[in-house]
N, C-alpha and C. Protein backbone atom coordinates (compact mmCIF):
# COMPACT_ATOMS: atom_id res chain seq x y z
N MET A 1 -21.95 -3.01 2.88
CA MET A 1 -20.89 -3.63 2.33
C MET A 1 -20.96 -5.13 1.63
N THR A 2 -19.94 -5.28 0.71
CA THR A 2 -20.07 -6.74 0.15
C THR A 2 -18.63 -7.08 -0.04
N SER A 3 -18.24 -8.22 0.23
CA SER A 3 -17.07 -8.56 0.04
C SER A 3 -17.15 -10.06 -1.08
N ALA A 4 -18.42 -10.23 -1.38
CA ALA A 4 -18.81 -11.43 -2.40
C ALA A 4 -18.32 -11.15 -3.60
N PRO A 5 -17.94 -12.20 -4.52
CA PRO A 5 -17.85 -12.12 -5.76
C PRO A 5 -18.94 -11.17 -6.58
N MET A 6 -18.38 -10.41 -7.29
CA MET A 6 -19.22 -9.44 -8.14
C MET A 6 -20.27 -10.48 -9.12
N ARG A 7 -21.38 -9.94 -9.50
CA ARG A 7 -22.53 -10.61 -10.25
C ARG A 7 -22.51 -9.96 -11.39
N PRO A 8 -23.06 -10.47 -12.53
CA PRO A 8 -23.40 -9.84 -13.93
C PRO A 8 -24.70 -8.90 -13.56
N SER A 9 -24.43 -7.88 -14.31
CA SER A 9 -25.32 -6.76 -14.35
C SER A 9 -25.34 -5.92 -15.49
N ASN A 10 -26.25 -5.05 -15.57
CA ASN A 10 -26.36 -3.92 -16.76
C ASN A 10 -24.89 -3.24 -17.19
N GLU A 11 -24.12 -3.34 -16.24
CA GLU A 11 -22.72 -2.56 -16.65
C GLU A 11 -21.47 -3.59 -17.14
N ALA A 12 -21.73 -5.15 -16.54
CA ALA A 12 -20.60 -5.87 -16.66
C ALA A 12 -21.35 -7.33 -16.84
N THR A 13 -20.98 -8.07 -17.87
CA THR A 13 -21.33 -9.33 -18.19
C THR A 13 -20.38 -10.33 -17.45
N ALA A 14 -20.95 -11.59 -17.53
CA ALA A 14 -20.08 -12.57 -16.91
C ALA A 14 -18.65 -12.78 -17.46
N GLU A 15 -18.89 -12.54 -18.79
CA GLU A 15 -17.33 -12.71 -19.43
C GLU A 15 -16.39 -11.40 -19.04
N GLN A 16 -17.11 -10.37 -18.84
CA GLN A 16 -16.34 -9.05 -18.34
C GLN A 16 -15.78 -9.24 -17.06
N LEU A 17 -16.79 -9.93 -16.08
CA LEU A 17 -16.33 -9.94 -14.81
C LEU A 17 -15.24 -10.89 -14.80
N ASP A 18 -15.10 -12.06 -15.63
CA ASP A 18 -14.05 -13.00 -15.70
C ASP A 18 -12.63 -12.15 -15.90
N VAL A 19 -12.83 -11.33 -17.00
CA VAL A 19 -11.85 -10.39 -17.07
C VAL A 19 -11.04 -9.86 -15.97
N ALA A 20 -12.21 -9.13 -15.18
CA ALA A 20 -11.78 -8.33 -14.05
C ALA A 20 -11.21 -9.34 -12.85
N ARG A 21 -11.38 -10.55 -12.82
CA ARG A 21 -11.10 -11.61 -11.88
C ARG A 21 -9.78 -12.06 -12.44
N ARG A 22 -9.46 -12.27 -13.55
CA ARG A 22 -8.16 -12.54 -14.03
C ARG A 22 -7.04 -11.19 -13.67
N GLU A 23 -7.57 -10.21 -13.74
CA GLU A 23 -6.91 -8.84 -13.40
C GLU A 23 -6.34 -9.02 -12.02
N GLY A 24 -7.34 -9.41 -11.06
CA GLY A 24 -7.30 -9.63 -9.62
C GLY A 24 -6.17 -10.61 -9.60
N ASP A 25 -6.48 -11.72 -10.36
CA ASP A 25 -5.53 -12.92 -9.86
C ASP A 25 -4.06 -12.41 -10.49
N ALA A 26 -3.78 -11.72 -11.43
CA ALA A 26 -2.42 -11.25 -11.93
C ALA A 26 -1.55 -10.14 -10.52
N TYR A 27 -2.68 -9.25 -10.01
CA TYR A 27 -2.29 -8.66 -8.85
C TYR A 27 -2.13 -9.40 -7.79
N GLY A 28 -2.72 -10.73 -7.29
CA GLY A 28 -2.58 -11.49 -6.35
C GLY A 28 -1.07 -12.07 -6.83
N LYS A 29 -0.73 -12.50 -7.85
CA LYS A 29 0.50 -13.12 -8.14
C LYS A 29 1.53 -12.21 -7.73
N ALA A 30 1.45 -10.99 -8.22
CA ALA A 30 2.53 -9.71 -7.91
C ALA A 30 2.74 -9.78 -6.29
N LEU A 31 1.50 -9.74 -5.76
CA LEU A 31 1.62 -9.56 -4.15
C LEU A 31 2.27 -10.84 -3.50
N ARG A 32 2.15 -11.79 -4.16
CA ARG A 32 2.72 -13.24 -3.55
C ARG A 32 4.36 -13.00 -3.93
N ALA A 33 4.60 -12.62 -5.04
CA ALA A 33 5.97 -12.29 -5.48
C ALA A 33 6.65 -11.26 -4.45
N MET A 34 6.05 -10.05 -4.15
CA MET A 34 6.35 -9.15 -3.31
C MET A 34 6.72 -9.71 -1.76
N ALA A 35 5.69 -10.80 -1.47
CA ALA A 35 5.76 -11.28 -0.22
C ALA A 35 7.02 -12.10 -0.05
N ALA A 36 7.00 -12.97 -1.25
CA ALA A 36 8.20 -13.85 -1.03
C ALA A 36 9.82 -13.27 -1.20
N GLU A 37 9.88 -12.04 -1.64
CA GLU A 37 10.73 -11.13 -1.49
C GLU A 37 11.19 -10.52 -0.02
N ASP A 38 9.84 -9.66 0.32
CA ASP A 38 10.16 -9.04 1.43
C ASP A 38 9.28 -9.46 2.67
N GLY A 39 8.70 -10.53 2.65
CA GLY A 39 7.54 -10.78 3.48
C GLY A 39 6.41 -9.73 3.57
N ALA A 40 5.25 -10.48 3.90
CA ALA A 40 3.72 -9.53 4.00
C ALA A 40 3.17 -10.13 4.99
N ALA A 41 2.37 -9.15 5.64
CA ALA A 41 1.36 -9.61 6.46
C ALA A 41 -0.01 -9.37 5.74
N THR A 42 -1.02 -10.01 5.57
CA THR A 42 -2.22 -10.04 4.94
C THR A 42 -3.57 -10.22 5.97
N ALA A 43 -4.33 -9.58 5.65
CA ALA A 43 -5.78 -9.69 6.35
C ALA A 43 -6.82 -9.07 5.70
N GLY A 44 -7.83 -9.72 5.68
CA GLY A 44 -9.20 -9.27 5.12
C GLY A 44 -9.85 -8.25 5.93
N ALA A 45 -10.55 -7.05 5.41
CA ALA A 45 -11.11 -6.13 6.37
C ALA A 45 -12.13 -5.38 5.24
N GLY A 46 -13.72 -5.92 5.55
CA GLY A 46 -14.54 -5.41 4.87
C GLY A 46 -14.49 -5.81 3.43
N ASP A 47 -14.68 -4.85 2.53
CA ASP A 47 -14.50 -5.08 1.01
C ASP A 47 -12.87 -5.16 0.52
N TYR A 48 -12.10 -5.20 1.69
CA TYR A 48 -10.59 -5.20 1.06
C TYR A 48 -9.78 -6.40 1.64
N VAL A 49 -8.86 -6.78 0.76
CA VAL A 49 -7.62 -7.48 1.25
C VAL A 49 -6.45 -6.62 1.41
N VAL A 50 -5.67 -6.30 2.79
CA VAL A 50 -5.01 -5.52 2.85
C VAL A 50 -3.57 -6.17 3.12
N ALA A 51 -2.56 -5.94 2.57
CA ALA A 51 -1.09 -6.37 2.92
C ALA A 51 -0.23 -5.49 3.25
N PHE A 52 0.48 -5.75 4.34
CA PHE A 52 1.39 -4.80 4.73
C PHE A 52 2.97 -5.12 4.51
N VAL A 53 3.69 -4.48 3.62
CA VAL A 53 5.17 -5.00 3.56
C VAL A 53 6.16 -4.03 4.00
N ASN A 54 7.32 -4.26 4.38
CA ASN A 54 8.15 -3.35 4.84
C ASN A 54 9.53 -3.73 4.27
N GLU A 55 10.42 -2.94 3.80
CA GLU A 55 11.69 -3.14 3.03
C GLU A 55 12.70 -2.16 3.45
N GLU A 56 13.82 -1.85 2.85
CA GLU A 56 14.85 -0.99 3.02
C GLU A 56 14.31 0.39 2.38
N ALA A 57 14.58 1.45 2.76
CA ALA A 57 14.16 2.93 2.38
C ALA A 57 14.82 2.95 0.66
N GLU A 58 14.08 3.48 0.01
CA GLU A 58 14.68 3.55 -1.50
C GLU A 58 14.32 4.88 -2.25
N GLY A 59 14.95 5.37 -3.26
CA GLY A 59 14.83 6.42 -4.16
C GLY A 59 13.74 6.16 -4.88
N MET A 60 13.17 7.38 -5.42
CA MET A 60 12.03 7.38 -6.40
C MET A 60 12.05 8.34 -7.16
N TYR A 61 11.48 8.64 -8.41
CA TYR A 61 11.29 9.70 -9.28
C TYR A 61 9.77 10.21 -8.85
N ALA A 62 9.77 11.69 -8.70
CA ALA A 62 9.02 12.59 -8.32
C ALA A 62 8.62 13.54 -9.25
N PRO A 63 7.64 14.03 -9.70
CA PRO A 63 7.27 15.02 -10.65
C PRO A 63 7.72 16.46 -9.87
N GLN A 64 8.25 17.25 -10.65
CA GLN A 64 8.62 18.62 -10.05
C GLN A 64 8.90 19.60 -11.21
N ASP A 65 8.12 20.64 -11.37
CA ASP A 65 8.04 21.62 -12.06
C ASP A 65 8.02 21.17 -13.55
N GLY A 66 7.17 20.07 -14.02
CA GLY A 66 6.93 19.46 -15.41
C GLY A 66 7.73 18.68 -15.87
N HIS A 67 8.82 17.99 -14.67
CA HIS A 67 9.90 16.88 -15.19
C HIS A 67 9.89 15.94 -13.74
N LEU A 68 10.29 14.91 -14.20
CA LEU A 68 10.43 13.51 -13.33
C LEU A 68 11.88 13.81 -12.83
N ILE A 69 12.22 13.79 -11.38
CA ILE A 69 13.25 13.95 -10.89
C ILE A 69 13.65 12.95 -9.72
N TRP A 70 14.82 12.38 -10.14
CA TRP A 70 15.29 11.38 -9.18
C TRP A 70 15.17 11.68 -7.74
N ARG A 71 14.79 11.02 -6.57
CA ARG A 71 15.29 11.58 -5.14
C ARG A 71 15.62 10.38 -4.54
N GLU A 72 16.86 10.44 -4.07
CA GLU A 72 17.28 9.32 -2.94
C GLU A 72 16.37 9.51 -1.89
N ALA A 73 16.27 8.60 -0.96
CA ALA A 73 15.51 8.37 0.07
C ALA A 73 16.12 9.58 1.12
N ALA A 74 15.45 10.20 2.10
CA ALA A 74 16.41 11.17 2.85
C ALA A 74 17.54 10.28 3.68
N GLU A 75 18.37 11.18 4.18
CA GLU A 75 19.74 10.58 4.58
C GLU A 75 19.14 9.81 6.01
N ASP A 76 18.04 10.39 6.64
CA ASP A 76 17.68 9.46 8.08
C ASP A 76 16.69 8.30 7.86
N ALA A 77 16.18 8.24 6.61
CA ALA A 77 15.14 7.34 6.20
C ALA A 77 15.97 5.76 6.16
N ASN A 78 15.30 4.83 7.03
CA ASN A 78 15.96 3.45 7.02
C ASN A 78 14.90 2.39 6.67
N VAL A 79 13.51 2.78 6.36
CA VAL A 79 12.57 1.75 6.24
C VAL A 79 11.70 2.24 4.83
N HIS A 80 11.42 1.36 4.19
CA HIS A 80 10.08 1.81 3.26
C HIS A 80 8.85 0.98 3.59
N LEU A 81 7.77 1.83 3.79
CA LEU A 81 6.50 0.93 4.25
C LEU A 81 5.65 0.80 2.99
N GLU A 82 4.85 -0.17 2.71
CA GLU A 82 4.03 -0.58 1.49
C GLU A 82 2.89 -1.12 2.04
N VAL A 83 1.56 -0.66 1.65
CA VAL A 83 0.26 -1.29 1.75
C VAL A 83 -0.27 -1.44 0.63
N ALA A 84 -0.62 -2.81 0.35
CA ALA A 84 -1.28 -3.29 -0.99
C ALA A 84 -2.78 -3.21 -0.53
N VAL A 85 -3.59 -2.97 -1.37
CA VAL A 85 -4.84 -3.10 -1.13
C VAL A 85 -5.90 -3.56 -2.23
N ALA A 86 -6.33 -4.76 -1.99
CA ALA A 86 -7.28 -5.37 -3.21
C ALA A 86 -8.65 -5.46 -2.84
N ASP A 87 -9.51 -5.54 -3.85
CA ASP A 87 -10.75 -5.77 -3.55
C ASP A 87 -10.92 -7.36 -3.16
N ALA A 88 -11.87 -7.59 -2.03
CA ALA A 88 -11.97 -8.67 -1.50
C ALA A 88 -12.84 -9.55 -2.80
N GLY A 89 -13.66 -8.88 -3.43
CA GLY A 89 -14.56 -9.67 -4.40
C GLY A 89 -13.62 -10.24 -5.71
N ASP A 90 -12.90 -9.45 -6.26
CA ASP A 90 -12.40 -9.89 -7.70
C ASP A 90 -10.75 -9.77 -7.46
N GLY A 91 -10.02 -9.13 -6.32
CA GLY A 91 -8.75 -9.39 -6.14
C GLY A 91 -7.78 -7.96 -6.86
N ARG A 92 -8.68 -7.19 -7.49
CA ARG A 92 -7.97 -6.16 -8.28
C ARG A 92 -7.52 -5.12 -7.34
N PHE A 93 -6.43 -4.48 -7.77
CA PHE A 93 -5.85 -3.17 -7.05
C PHE A 93 -6.98 -2.32 -6.83
N VAL A 94 -7.11 -1.61 -5.45
CA VAL A 94 -8.03 -0.48 -5.26
C VAL A 94 -7.52 0.95 -5.13
N PRO A 95 -7.72 1.91 -6.27
CA PRO A 95 -6.98 2.98 -6.06
C PRO A 95 -7.69 3.99 -5.62
N GLY A 96 -7.26 5.32 -5.69
CA GLY A 96 -7.76 6.44 -4.90
C GLY A 96 -8.06 6.45 -3.57
N LEU A 97 -7.21 5.58 -2.70
CA LEU A 97 -7.59 5.68 -1.09
C LEU A 97 -6.75 6.55 -0.49
N SER A 98 -7.41 6.98 0.60
CA SER A 98 -6.49 7.47 1.79
C SER A 98 -6.09 6.54 2.71
N VAL A 99 -4.87 6.05 2.90
CA VAL A 99 -4.16 5.09 3.58
C VAL A 99 -3.28 5.67 4.81
N ARG A 100 -3.48 5.46 5.90
CA ARG A 100 -2.62 5.84 7.03
C ARG A 100 -1.81 4.76 7.81
N VAL A 101 -0.98 4.69 8.22
CA VAL A 101 -0.01 3.85 9.05
C VAL A 101 0.39 4.35 10.32
N GLU A 102 -0.11 3.49 11.40
CA GLU A 102 0.35 3.87 12.90
C GLU A 102 0.92 2.90 13.56
N MET A 103 1.93 3.22 14.09
CA MET A 103 2.82 2.05 14.70
C MET A 103 3.07 2.16 16.42
N LEU A 104 3.02 1.29 16.97
CA LEU A 104 3.28 1.39 18.52
C LEU A 104 4.42 0.41 18.87
N HIS A 105 5.19 0.86 19.84
CA HIS A 105 6.13 0.18 20.21
C HIS A 105 6.04 0.03 21.78
N ASP A 106 5.83 -1.42 22.20
CA ASP A 106 5.70 -1.55 23.66
C ASP A 106 4.61 -0.55 24.00
N GLY A 107 3.43 -0.51 23.11
CA GLY A 107 2.10 0.09 23.60
C GLY A 107 2.33 1.53 23.40
N SER A 108 3.52 2.23 23.16
CA SER A 108 3.68 3.48 23.11
C SER A 108 3.51 3.87 21.48
N PRO A 109 2.99 4.98 21.05
CA PRO A 109 3.02 5.63 19.72
C PRO A 109 4.37 5.90 19.30
N LEU A 110 4.64 5.43 18.22
CA LEU A 110 5.85 5.72 17.41
C LEU A 110 5.95 6.37 16.12
N LEU A 111 5.00 6.02 15.35
CA LEU A 111 5.04 6.82 14.15
C LEU A 111 3.74 7.04 13.61
N SER A 112 3.36 8.14 12.93
CA SER A 112 1.79 8.06 12.19
C SER A 112 2.36 8.65 10.73
N ALA A 113 1.98 7.74 9.83
CA ALA A 113 2.21 8.47 8.46
C ALA A 113 1.29 8.25 7.28
N ASP A 114 0.96 9.28 6.58
CA ASP A 114 -0.07 8.90 5.39
C ASP A 114 0.91 8.27 4.23
N LEU A 115 0.25 7.21 3.52
CA LEU A 115 1.07 6.64 2.50
C LEU A 115 0.23 7.02 1.21
N PRO A 116 0.97 7.78 0.12
CA PRO A 116 0.05 8.06 -0.88
C PRO A 116 0.61 6.84 -1.89
N PHE A 117 -0.27 6.99 -3.29
CA PHE A 117 -0.10 5.98 -4.09
C PHE A 117 1.25 6.06 -4.71
N LEU A 118 1.68 4.93 -4.89
CA LEU A 118 3.17 4.65 -5.58
C LEU A 118 3.08 3.90 -6.73
N TRP A 119 3.28 4.09 -7.94
CA TRP A 119 3.50 3.29 -9.12
C TRP A 119 4.37 2.42 -8.76
N HIS A 120 4.45 1.20 -9.37
CA HIS A 120 5.49 0.27 -8.92
C HIS A 120 5.45 -0.64 -10.19
N PRO A 121 6.68 -0.90 -10.69
CA PRO A 121 6.71 -1.82 -11.87
C PRO A 121 5.81 -3.24 -11.98
N PHE A 122 5.60 -3.70 -10.80
CA PHE A 122 4.75 -4.98 -10.92
C PHE A 122 3.69 -5.11 -9.68
N LEU A 123 3.93 -4.03 -8.76
CA LEU A 123 2.75 -4.09 -7.66
C LEU A 123 2.45 -2.64 -7.40
N HIS A 124 1.52 -2.19 -7.91
CA HIS A 124 1.02 -0.77 -7.24
C HIS A 124 0.71 -0.96 -5.75
N HIS A 125 0.84 0.23 -4.81
CA HIS A 125 0.81 0.12 -3.71
C HIS A 125 0.72 1.53 -3.20
N TYR A 126 0.55 1.86 -1.97
CA TYR A 126 0.58 2.82 -1.18
C TYR A 126 1.75 3.03 -0.14
N GLY A 127 2.60 3.85 -0.05
CA GLY A 127 4.07 3.55 0.51
C GLY A 127 4.67 5.17 0.80
N CYS A 128 5.71 4.88 1.61
CA CYS A 128 6.52 6.15 1.86
C CYS A 128 7.68 5.58 2.59
N ASN A 129 8.82 6.27 2.65
CA ASN A 129 9.97 5.71 3.53
C ASN A 129 9.67 6.50 4.76
N ALA A 130 10.53 5.94 5.75
CA ALA A 130 10.26 6.42 7.12
C ALA A 130 11.68 6.33 7.75
N GLN A 131 11.53 6.75 9.17
CA GLN A 131 12.66 6.41 10.07
C GLN A 131 12.10 5.60 11.34
N LEU A 132 12.93 4.49 11.42
CA LEU A 132 12.48 3.96 12.76
C LEU A 132 13.95 3.44 13.60
N PRO A 133 13.67 3.66 14.95
CA PRO A 133 14.85 3.25 15.59
C PRO A 133 15.54 2.16 15.72
N GLY A 134 14.77 1.11 15.05
CA GLY A 134 15.30 -0.31 15.22
C GLY A 134 14.48 -1.32 14.29
N THR A 135 14.59 -2.40 14.36
CA THR A 135 13.79 -3.52 13.70
C THR A 135 12.74 -3.71 14.24
N GLY A 136 12.34 -3.22 15.42
CA GLY A 136 11.09 -3.86 16.17
C GLY A 136 11.33 -5.01 17.23
N PRO A 137 10.15 -5.88 17.23
CA PRO A 137 9.06 -5.63 16.69
C PRO A 137 7.97 -4.41 17.17
N TYR A 138 7.17 -4.22 15.79
CA TYR A 138 6.34 -3.11 16.25
C TYR A 138 5.05 -3.33 15.81
N ASP A 139 3.87 -2.94 16.51
CA ASP A 139 2.42 -3.07 16.03
C ASP A 139 2.13 -2.18 15.11
N VAL A 140 1.53 -2.45 13.93
CA VAL A 140 1.17 -1.74 12.92
C VAL A 140 -0.35 -2.01 12.81
N THR A 141 -1.11 -0.69 12.85
CA THR A 141 -2.32 -0.38 12.50
C THR A 141 -2.51 0.57 10.97
N VAL A 142 -3.36 -0.16 10.12
CA VAL A 142 -3.41 0.57 8.88
C VAL A 142 -4.81 1.06 8.62
N HIS A 143 -4.93 2.34 8.43
CA HIS A 143 -6.56 2.72 8.46
C HIS A 143 -6.66 3.23 7.19
N ILE A 144 -7.85 2.77 6.43
CA ILE A 144 -8.35 3.13 5.28
C ILE A 144 -9.63 3.99 5.36
N ASP A 145 -9.80 5.28 4.59
CA ASP A 145 -10.88 6.00 4.70
C ASP A 145 -11.67 5.61 3.20
N PRO A 146 -13.02 5.54 3.40
CA PRO A 146 -13.55 5.31 2.00
C PRO A 146 -13.45 6.38 1.01
N PRO A 147 -13.10 5.92 -0.32
CA PRO A 147 -12.89 6.69 -1.38
C PRO A 147 -14.12 7.84 -1.55
N THR A 148 -13.68 8.76 -2.42
CA THR A 148 -14.68 9.86 -2.60
C THR A 148 -15.02 9.50 -4.12
N TYR A 149 -14.56 8.77 -4.88
CA TYR A 149 -15.00 8.71 -6.19
C TYR A 149 -16.47 8.10 -6.28
N MET A 150 -17.35 8.05 -7.38
CA MET A 150 -18.33 7.55 -7.63
C MET A 150 -17.91 5.97 -8.00
N ARG A 151 -19.23 5.02 -7.62
CA ARG A 151 -19.09 3.56 -8.22
C ARG A 151 -20.07 3.49 -9.23
N HIS A 152 -19.80 2.89 -10.40
CA HIS A 152 -20.55 2.19 -11.41
C HIS A 152 -21.40 1.23 -10.77
N ASP A 153 -22.65 0.71 -11.39
CA ASP A 153 -23.26 -0.60 -11.19
C ASP A 153 -24.22 -0.54 -10.28
N PRO A 154 -25.44 -0.68 -10.22
CA PRO A 154 -26.47 -0.78 -9.35
C PRO A 154 -26.45 -2.12 -8.82
N VAL A 155 -25.85 -3.04 -9.14
CA VAL A 155 -25.80 -4.45 -8.55
C VAL A 155 -24.34 -4.52 -7.50
N ASN A 156 -23.33 -3.98 -8.25
CA ASN A 156 -22.01 -4.33 -7.36
C ASN A 156 -21.38 -2.86 -7.04
N GLY A 157 -21.86 -2.08 -7.43
CA GLY A 157 -21.26 -0.84 -6.71
C GLY A 157 -21.36 -0.28 -5.39
N ALA A 158 -22.08 -0.93 -4.64
CA ALA A 158 -22.22 -0.23 -3.28
C ALA A 158 -21.24 -0.93 -2.57
N ARG A 159 -19.88 -0.43 -2.41
CA ARG A 159 -18.71 -0.97 -1.96
C ARG A 159 -17.82 0.00 -1.39
N TYR A 160 -16.89 -0.27 -0.68
CA TYR A 160 -15.71 0.77 -0.21
C TYR A 160 -16.75 1.83 0.50
N ALA A 161 -17.74 1.53 1.34
CA ALA A 161 -18.44 2.53 1.87
C ALA A 161 -17.77 3.09 3.52
N ASP A 162 -17.34 2.09 3.97
CA ASP A 162 -17.08 2.28 5.42
C ASP A 162 -15.46 2.30 5.66
N PRO A 163 -14.94 2.97 6.59
CA PRO A 163 -13.75 3.14 6.90
C PRO A 163 -13.22 1.54 7.55
N VAL A 164 -11.99 1.12 7.36
CA VAL A 164 -11.28 -0.08 7.90
C VAL A 164 -10.32 0.23 8.54
N GLU A 165 -9.98 -0.74 9.81
CA GLU A 165 -8.71 -0.56 10.42
C GLU A 165 -8.22 -2.15 10.32
N VAL A 166 -6.96 -2.12 10.13
CA VAL A 166 -6.30 -3.36 9.94
C VAL A 166 -5.31 -3.52 10.99
N HIS A 167 -4.95 -4.70 11.70
CA HIS A 167 -4.02 -4.56 12.82
C HIS A 167 -2.87 -5.54 12.37
N PHE A 168 -1.74 -5.23 12.31
CA PHE A 168 -0.50 -6.42 12.38
C PHE A 168 0.22 -6.24 13.51
N ASP A 169 0.25 -7.27 14.28
CA ASP A 169 0.90 -7.01 15.65
C ASP A 169 2.41 -7.87 15.33
N LYS A 170 3.41 -7.43 16.03
CA LYS A 170 4.76 -7.72 16.42
C LYS A 170 5.53 -7.98 15.11
N VAL A 171 5.49 -6.99 14.13
CA VAL A 171 6.14 -6.92 12.79
C VAL A 171 7.50 -6.41 12.97
N THR A 172 8.49 -7.51 12.65
CA THR A 172 9.88 -7.15 12.41
C THR A 172 10.20 -6.38 10.98
N PHE A 173 11.12 -5.41 11.13
CA PHE A 173 11.26 -4.43 10.21
C PHE A 173 12.81 -4.92 9.59
N SER A 174 12.93 -4.54 8.02
CA SER A 174 14.08 -4.68 7.35
C SER A 174 14.70 -3.18 7.24
N ASN A 175 15.65 -2.93 8.19
CA ASN A 175 16.37 -1.55 8.38
C ASN A 175 17.25 -1.65 7.41
N GLY A 176 17.39 -0.60 6.40
CA GLY A 176 18.80 -0.14 5.71
C GLY A 176 18.22 0.73 4.75
N ARG A 177 19.12 0.75 3.53
CA ARG A 177 18.83 1.50 2.31
C ARG A 177 19.05 0.84 1.07
N LYS A 178 18.26 0.92 0.21
CA LYS A 178 18.28 0.06 -1.07
C LYS A 178 19.08 1.04 -1.94
N PRO A 179 20.07 0.32 -2.59
CA PRO A 179 20.89 0.97 -3.69
C PRO A 179 19.96 1.55 -5.07
N SER A 180 20.41 2.50 -5.78
CA SER A 180 19.97 2.93 -6.70
C SER A 180 20.49 2.76 -8.08
N PRO A 181 20.89 1.78 -8.50
CA PRO A 181 21.64 1.45 -9.80
C PRO A 181 21.12 1.98 -11.00
N GLY A 182 21.68 2.71 -11.69
CA GLY A 182 21.50 3.47 -13.15
C GLY A 182 20.82 4.75 -12.64
N ALA A 183 20.29 5.28 -11.37
CA ALA A 183 19.46 6.12 -11.17
C ALA A 183 20.44 7.53 -11.59
N GLN A 184 19.53 8.48 -11.95
CA GLN A 184 20.59 9.92 -11.79
C GLN A 184 20.04 10.74 -10.90
N PRO A 185 20.68 10.89 -9.48
CA PRO A 185 20.12 11.54 -8.44
C PRO A 185 20.40 12.97 -8.87
N ARG A 186 19.14 13.58 -8.79
CA ARG A 186 18.81 15.00 -8.79
C ARG A 186 17.94 15.47 -7.99
N GLY A 187 17.83 16.94 -7.38
CA GLY A 187 16.70 17.18 -6.90
C GLY A 187 16.94 17.04 -5.18
N ALA A 188 15.96 17.69 -4.61
CA ALA A 188 16.05 17.64 -3.02
C ALA A 188 15.60 16.18 -2.63
N ASP A 189 16.11 15.87 -1.15
CA ASP A 189 15.70 14.44 -0.69
C ASP A 189 14.29 14.95 -0.57
N ALA A 190 13.67 13.28 -0.69
CA ALA A 190 12.27 13.32 -0.79
C ALA A 190 11.85 13.27 1.00
N PRO A 191 10.62 13.61 1.29
CA PRO A 191 10.31 13.81 2.83
C PRO A 191 10.11 12.55 3.30
N THR A 192 10.56 12.29 4.38
CA THR A 192 10.53 10.80 5.31
C THR A 192 9.59 11.17 6.64
N ALA A 193 8.85 9.86 6.76
CA ALA A 193 8.04 9.86 8.21
C ALA A 193 9.03 9.57 9.08
N ARG A 194 8.86 10.41 10.38
CA ARG A 194 9.77 9.95 11.43
C ARG A 194 9.02 9.82 12.62
N TYR A 195 9.36 8.80 13.33
CA TYR A 195 8.87 8.43 14.78
C TYR A 195 8.99 9.69 15.66
N ASP A 196 8.25 9.39 16.62
CA ASP A 196 8.28 10.70 17.78
C ASP A 196 8.98 10.07 19.04
N GLY A 197 10.45 10.25 18.92
CA GLY A 197 11.17 9.75 20.05
C GLY A 197 12.30 10.37 20.35
């Protein structure tokens, strides 16, 4: 594994790698803006920098039968879980990952949920709505499996090969529901991750 900055190769010149770092800087700026709005816990893990953010449950557009349908968060959802994953070498968002969140409360399992990729207007991330019994604090573990896609570059491409776990202890949650101004509610409620309680 490498979390070192990338080096020029037959696939990327120094100038091209500077472009990638500027993209990473922009993603980092978006992550800091999200953290300022909702708070975030961040940690390094192998080839990644992983951030966990939570906010109120929210509606989203979802594809259905060739159309986008607005779906409000399920009635029992009261939090939105977000995991942002950046490359530790250049800071860019890492796509195509299998991300899972597990939560404990006082040492007992509370919630386990897969987080799919979610497009966001300024911070792409993995996430889902969930139902929790209160604001916590909860201990959160983020699991990331190695992606299955191929990697370019004989110098820089040997990355994301190992699964990682990141632990965030005693996280307080923002329970509630975010309003959906201007959305046209249609379709069934989106699925919600639920606690085992």
